[in-house]
Amino acid sequence: MLSPTYIKSLPQKDGWSRDYDFATSGDGQVYGIRSAGKDGVLTDVVPGPTTLFDCDIVYSNGSFIQYPEGIQAQ
C-alpha cells in the first residue's frame, strides 16, 4: 500500500539490520513505519526527540513521531 505512492522502494531492514514494523489503517489512509532501535525491542512511543539509540524511531503520515536528535547516548 505504501509503494509507489509514498515511497518508490521500501527498505526491509533498519540501520541495525532488523526488520521494520509496518502498520496501516483498514482503509489505508494512515500508515506507520517503526524501527525498534539498537536493542531491537519495540517500546511505548513517547512523541518527540530522543538521544538514546535503544529508543524506537517512528514515522507516520509524512512526519517523524519519535526521532533521534543531537548527540546519541549509547
C-alpha atoms as a PDB file:
ATOM      1  CA  MET A   1       0.000   0.000   0.000  1.00  0.00           C
ATOM      2  CA  LEU A   2       2.946   2.354   0.592  1.00  0.00           C
ATOM      3  CA  SER A   3       4.804   1.687  -2.668  1.00  0.00           C
ATOM      4  CA  PRO A   4       4.937   3.508  -5.029  1.00  0.00           C
ATOM      5  CA  THR A   5       2.562   6.208  -3.699  1.00  0.00           C
ATOM      6  CA  TYR A   6       4.578   7.221  -0.630  1.00  0.00           C
ATOM      7  CA  ILE A   7       7.971   5.688  -1.398  1.00  0.00           C
ATOM      8  CA  LYS A   8       9.337   4.104  -4.565  1.00  0.00           C
ATOM      9  CA  SER A   9      11.032   1.146  -2.911  1.00  0.00           C
ATOM     10  CA  LEU A  10      10.540   0.443   0.775  1.00  0.00           C
ATOM     11  CA  PRO A  11      13.668  -0.837   2.571  1.00  0.00           C
ATOM     12  CA  GLN A  12      13.101  -4.018   4.584  1.00  0.00           C
ATOM     13  CA  LYS A  13      15.859  -3.532   7.203  1.00  0.00           C
ATOM     14  CA  ASP A  14      16.784  -0.653   9.517  1.00  0.00           C
ATOM     15  CA  GLY A  15      20.318   0.556  10.338  1.00  0.00           C
ATOM     16  CA  TRP A  16      20.787  -2.370  12.751  1.00  0.00           C
ATOM     17  CA  SER A  17      19.750  -4.939  10.080  1.00  0.00           C
ATOM     18  CA  ARG A  18      16.420  -5.613  11.766  1.00  0.00           C
ATOM     19  CA  ASP A  19      13.038  -5.741  10.052  1.00  0.00           C
ATOM     20  CA  TYR A  20      10.902  -2.617  10.212  1.00  0.00           C
ATOM     21  CA  ASP A  21       7.479  -2.770  11.833  1.00  0.00           C
ATOM     22  CA  PHE A  22       4.801  -1.574   9.378  1.00  0.00           C
ATOM     23  CA  ALA A  23       1.151  -0.780  10.033  1.00  0.00           C
ATOM     24  CA  THR A  24      -1.733   0.770   8.119  1.00  0.00           C
ATOM     25  CA  SER A  25      -5.303   1.622   8.984  1.00  0.00           C
ATOM     26  CA  GLY A  26      -8.008  -0.563   7.482  1.00  0.00           C
ATOM     27  CA  ASP A  27      -8.762   1.985   4.772  1.00  0.00           C
ATOM     28  CA  GLY A  28      -5.080   2.637   4.003  1.00  0.00           C
ATOM     29  CA  GLN A  29      -5.299   6.331   4.862  1.00  0.00           C
ATOM     30  CA  VAL A  30      -2.953   6.148   7.873  1.00  0.00           C
ATOM     31  CA  TYR A  31       0.411   4.380   7.889  1.00  0.00           C
ATOM     32  CA  GLY A  32       3.280   3.909  10.285  1.00  0.00           C
ATOM     33  CA  ILE A  33       6.873   2.699   9.955  1.00  0.00           C
ATOM     34  CA  ARG A  34       8.845   1.811  13.067  1.00  0.00           C
ATOM     35  CA  SER A  35      12.425   0.832  13.828  1.00  0.00           C
ATOM     36  CA  ALA A  36      12.885  -0.903  17.183  1.00  0.00           C
ATOM     37  CA  GLY A  37      16.213   0.889  17.700  1.00  0.00           C
ATOM     38  CA  LYS A  38      19.570  -0.583  18.639  1.00  0.00           C
ATOM     39  CA  ASP A  39      18.203  -3.027  21.238  1.00  0.00           C
ATOM     40  CA  GLY A  40      15.563  -4.433  18.857  1.00  0.00           C
ATOM     41  CA  VAL A  41      12.773  -4.127  21.437  1.00  0.00           C
ATOM     42  CA  LEU A  42       9.549  -2.315  20.498  1.00  0.00           C
ATOM     43  CA  THR A  43       8.614   0.018  23.356  1.00  0.00           C
ATOM     44  CA  ASP A  44       5.914   2.582  24.105  1.00  0.00           C
ATOM     45  CA  VAL A  45       6.193   5.609  21.824  1.00  0.00           C
ATOM     46  CA  VAL A  46       6.967   8.912  23.512  1.00  0.00           C
ATOM     47  CA  PRO A  47       6.439  11.613  20.861  1.00  0.00           C
ATOM     48  CA  GLY A  48       9.364  13.931  20.238  1.00  0.00           C
ATOM     49  CA  PRO A  49      13.157  13.718  20.131  1.00  0.00           C
ATOM     50  CA  THR A  50      15.344  11.174  21.895  1.00  0.00           C
ATOM     51  CA  THR A  51      19.084  10.874  22.463  1.00  0.00           C
ATOM     52  CA  LEU A  52      19.099   7.116  23.158  1.00  0.00           C
ATOM     53  CA  PHE A  53      19.978   4.564  20.467  1.00  0.00           C
ATOM     54  CA  ASP A  54      17.649   1.999  22.077  1.00  0.00           C
ATOM     55  CA  CYS A  55      14.542   4.172  21.594  1.00  0.00           C
ATOM     56  CA  ASP A  56      12.263   3.364  18.675  1.00  0.00           C
ATOM     57  CA  ILE A  57      12.154   5.614  15.623  1.00  0.00           C
ATOM     58  CA  VAL A  58       8.589   6.137  14.407  1.00  0.00           C
ATOM     59  CA  TYR A  59       7.438   7.751  11.141  1.00  0.00           C
ATOM     60  CA  SER A  60       3.749   8.178  10.301  1.00  0.00           C
ATOM     61  CA  ASN A  61       1.879  10.016   7.556  1.00  0.00           C
ATOM     62  CA  GLY A  62       4.802  12.161   6.450  1.00  0.00           C
ATOM     63  CA  SER A  63       6.208  13.097   9.877  1.00  0.00           C
ATOM     64  CA  PHE A  64       8.511  11.618  12.466  1.00  0.00           C
ATOM     65  CA  ILE A  65       6.639  10.937  15.712  1.00  0.00           C
ATOM     66  CA  GLN A  66       9.664   9.764  17.732  1.00  0.00           C
ATOM     67  CA  TYR A  67      13.110  10.538  16.333  1.00  0.00           C
ATOM     68  CA  PRO A  68      16.812  10.845  17.194  1.00  0.00           C
ATOM     69  CA  GLU A  69      18.215  14.274  17.927  1.00  0.00           C
ATOM     70  CA  GLY A  70      21.581  15.656  18.958  1.00  0.00           C
ATOM     71  CA  ILE A  71      24.440  13.557  20.301  1.00  0.00           C
ATOM     72  CA  GLN A  72      23.333   9.984  20.854  1.00  0.00           C
ATOM     73  CA  ALA A  73      23.990   8.212  24.142  1.00  0.00           C
ATOM     74  CA  GLN A  74      24.940   4.567  23.755  1.00  0.00           C
END
